[in-house]
Protein backbone atom coordinates (compact mmCIF):
# COMPACT_ATOMS: atom_id res chain seq x y z
CA MET A 1 -29.43 -30.70 49.13
CA ASN A 2 -31.39 -31.49 45.99
CA PHE A 3 -30.04 -31.00 42.48
CA TYR A 4 -32.10 -27.86 41.80
CA LEU A 5 -30.75 -26.13 44.93
CA MET A 6 -27.20 -27.08 43.96
CA LEU A 7 -27.78 -25.53 40.52
CA LYS A 8 -29.28 -22.44 42.12
CA TRP A 9 -26.26 -22.12 44.44
CA LEU A 10 -23.91 -22.48 41.45
CA HIS A 11 -25.94 -19.95 39.47
CA ILE A 12 -25.89 -17.36 42.27
CA LEU A 13 -22.20 -17.99 43.00
CA SER A 14 -21.18 -17.71 39.35
CA ALA A 15 -23.32 -14.57 38.91
CA THR A 16 -21.58 -13.04 41.92
CA ILE A 17 -18.14 -13.99 40.60
CA LEU A 18 -18.97 -12.74 37.11
CA PHE A 19 -20.26 -9.38 38.28
CA GLY A 20 -17.80 -8.89 41.13
CA THR A 21 -14.74 -9.85 39.13
CA GLY A 22 -15.93 -7.75 36.20
CA ILE A 23 -16.44 -4.60 38.24
CA GLY A 24 -13.22 -5.20 40.20
CA ILE A 25 -11.16 -5.73 37.06
CA ALA A 26 -12.71 -2.67 35.44
CA PHE A 27 -12.00 -0.47 38.46
CA PHE A 28 -8.37 -1.50 38.94
CA LYS A 29 -7.55 -1.44 35.23
CA TRP A 30 -9.24 1.94 34.74
CA ILE A 31 -7.60 3.50 37.81
CA SER A 32 -4.17 2.13 36.76
CA ASP A 33 -4.64 3.55 33.28
CA ARG A 34 -5.50 6.94 34.77
CA SER A 35 -2.19 6.93 36.70
CA GLY A 36 -0.20 6.99 33.43
CA ASP A 37 2.46 4.81 35.12
CA VAL A 38 3.51 2.35 32.41
CA ARG A 39 4.76 -0.24 34.92
CA ALA A 40 1.50 -0.10 36.91
CA ILE A 41 -0.51 -0.32 33.70
CA ARG A 42 1.50 -3.33 32.59
CA LEU A 43 0.96 -5.12 35.89
CA SER A 44 -2.72 -4.23 35.96
CA SER A 45 -3.16 -5.44 32.37
CA GLU A 46 -1.40 -8.71 33.17
CA ARG A 47 -3.53 -9.29 36.27
CA THR A 48 -6.70 -8.33 34.38
CA VAL A 49 -6.08 -11.03 31.77
CA LEU A 50 -5.23 -13.57 34.48
CA ALA A 51 -8.34 -12.78 36.53
CA ASP A 52 -10.51 -13.05 33.43
CA TRP A 53 -9.18 -16.55 32.70
CA ILE A 54 -9.33 -17.80 36.30
CA PHE A 55 -12.63 -16.25 37.43
CA THR A 56 -14.67 -14.66 34.66
CA THR A 57 -14.41 -17.38 32.02
CA PRO A 58 -15.64 -20.24 34.25
CA ALA A 59 -18.47 -17.99 35.53
CA VAL A 60 -19.41 -17.06 31.95
CA VAL A 61 -19.77 -20.77 31.18
CA ALA A 62 -21.51 -21.72 34.46
CA GLN A 63 -24.17 -18.99 34.17
CA PRO A 64 -26.05 -20.17 31.08
CA LEU A 65 -25.55 -23.86 31.87
CA SER A 66 -26.92 -23.59 35.41
CA GLY A 67 -29.64 -21.13 34.37
CA LEU A 68 -30.92 -23.26 31.51
CA ALA A 69 -30.77 -26.40 33.64
CA MET A 70 -32.84 -24.70 36.35
CA ALA A 71 -35.34 -23.46 33.77
CA LEU A 72 -35.76 -27.00 32.44
CA LEU A 73 -36.12 -28.48 35.93
CA ALA A 74 -38.68 -25.81 36.88
CA SER A 75 -40.53 -26.23 33.56
CA HIS A 76 -39.97 -22.59 32.59
CA PRO A 77 -39.93 -22.28 28.79
CA ILE A 78 -37.01 -20.12 27.68
CA THR A 79 -39.56 -17.95 25.91
CA THR A 80 -40.97 -16.87 29.30
CA GLY A 81 -40.66 -13.07 29.31
CA TRP A 82 -38.14 -12.51 32.14
CA LEU A 83 -36.11 -15.56 31.12
CA ALA A 84 -36.02 -14.64 27.42
CA TRP A 85 -34.95 -11.09 28.31
CA SER A 86 -32.27 -12.44 30.67
CA ILE A 87 -30.87 -14.64 27.91
CA LEU A 88 -30.93 -11.79 25.41
CA LEU A 89 -29.22 -9.35 27.78
CA TYR A 90 -26.67 -11.99 28.77
CA ALA A 91 -25.90 -12.41 25.06
CA VAL A 92 -25.47 -8.61 24.77
CA ALA A 93 -23.02 -8.67 27.69
CA GLY A 94 -21.18 -11.59 26.08
CA ALA A 95 -21.04 -9.82 22.71
CA CYS A 96 -19.32 -6.93 24.50
CA TRP A 97 -17.07 -9.17 26.59
CA LEU A 98 -15.53 -11.13 23.70
CA PRO A 99 -13.94 -8.06 22.05
CA VAL A 100 -12.96 -6.84 25.52
CA VAL A 101 -10.94 -10.03 26.03
CA TRP A 102 -9.16 -9.44 22.72
CA LEU A 103 -8.52 -5.80 23.65
CA GLN A 104 -7.14 -6.82 27.04
CA LEU A 105 -4.71 -9.23 25.40
CA ARG A 106 -3.55 -6.53 22.98
CA MET A 107 -3.25 -3.88 25.72
CA ARG A 108 -1.26 -6.31 27.85
CA ALA A 109 1.18 -6.89 24.97
CA ILE A 110 1.48 -3.17 24.25
CA ALA A 111 2.02 -2.32 27.93
CA ARG A 112 4.68 -5.05 28.27
CA ALA A 113 6.54 -3.76 25.22
CA ALA A 114 6.41 -0.15 26.45
CA ASP A 115 7.55 -1.15 29.94
CA GLU A 116 10.42 -3.27 28.62
CA ALA A 117 11.52 -0.47 26.24
CA ASN A 118 11.01 2.14 28.98
CA THR A 119 8.79 4.22 26.67
CA VAL A 120 5.39 5.81 26.94
CA LEU A 121 2.33 3.93 25.83
CA PRO A 122 1.48 4.56 22.18
CA ALA A 123 -1.78 6.10 20.98
CA LEU A 124 -2.99 2.63 19.97
CA TYR A 125 -3.05 1.56 23.64
CA TRP A 126 -5.23 4.53 24.57
CA ARG A 127 -7.58 3.90 21.65
CA TYR A 128 -7.97 0.29 22.77
CA ALA A 129 -8.51 1.50 26.35
CA ARG A 130 -11.36 3.73 25.19
CA TYR A 131 -12.98 0.85 23.28
CA TRP A 132 -12.49 -1.40 26.31
CA PHE A 133 -14.18 1.13 28.61
CA TRP A 134 -17.14 1.84 26.32
CA LEU A 135 -17.77 -1.85 25.63
CA GLY A 136 -17.92 -2.34 29.39
CA VAL A 137 -20.77 0.14 29.82
CA PRO A 138 -23.50 -1.82 27.98
CA ALA A 139 -22.17 -5.11 29.39
CA PHE A 140 -22.38 -3.73 32.93
CA LEU A 141 -25.86 -2.31 32.41
CA ALA A 142 -27.08 -5.52 30.77
CA LEU A 143 -25.86 -7.60 33.72
CA LEU A 144 -27.52 -5.22 36.19
CA VAL A 145 -30.83 -5.80 34.44
CA VAL A 146 -30.20 -9.56 34.28
CA TYR A 147 -29.65 -9.56 38.05
CA TRP A 148 -32.94 -7.75 38.54
CA LEU A 149 -34.76 -10.14 36.21
CA MET A 150 -33.22 -13.12 38.00
CA VAL A 151 -34.51 -11.91 41.37
CA ALA A 152 -37.83 -10.27 40.46
CA LYS A 153 -38.94 -12.64 37.68
CA PRO A 154 -41.51 -10.07 36.51
CA ALA A 155 -44.36 -11.02 34.23
CA LEU A 156 -43.32 -9.49 30.92
């Protein structure tokens, strides 16, 4: 297998991990939050943070590195329409993801404290949960478009 195909494999694999882990984390965290069960929310929050470190973070790094390397090898300037839009939308998703990581860490700490004290989650947790959810919407949509751009490579 040549180097370009290895990069392409890594790029597709990391895109799959990034998107799949992101949607999976979002679903299980959101559904756990809806249950109102503090213990379940704590466990979900802990696993969300863990999954982000193990799966999402390496994929977040692999995506631009493999994508830019492929663009260079294929002699695609990064100003090429579909590629430039992919980079921009990936940056939008990243700009949403960074505060989401911080929110997840805070929600994990709040859920642990509430579980250990056997109390309900405070209003701050629910405010963070709303921010977390709404930051996920543009990130999710941006990545959907990036996927399309990656596959279709339209002339823009």
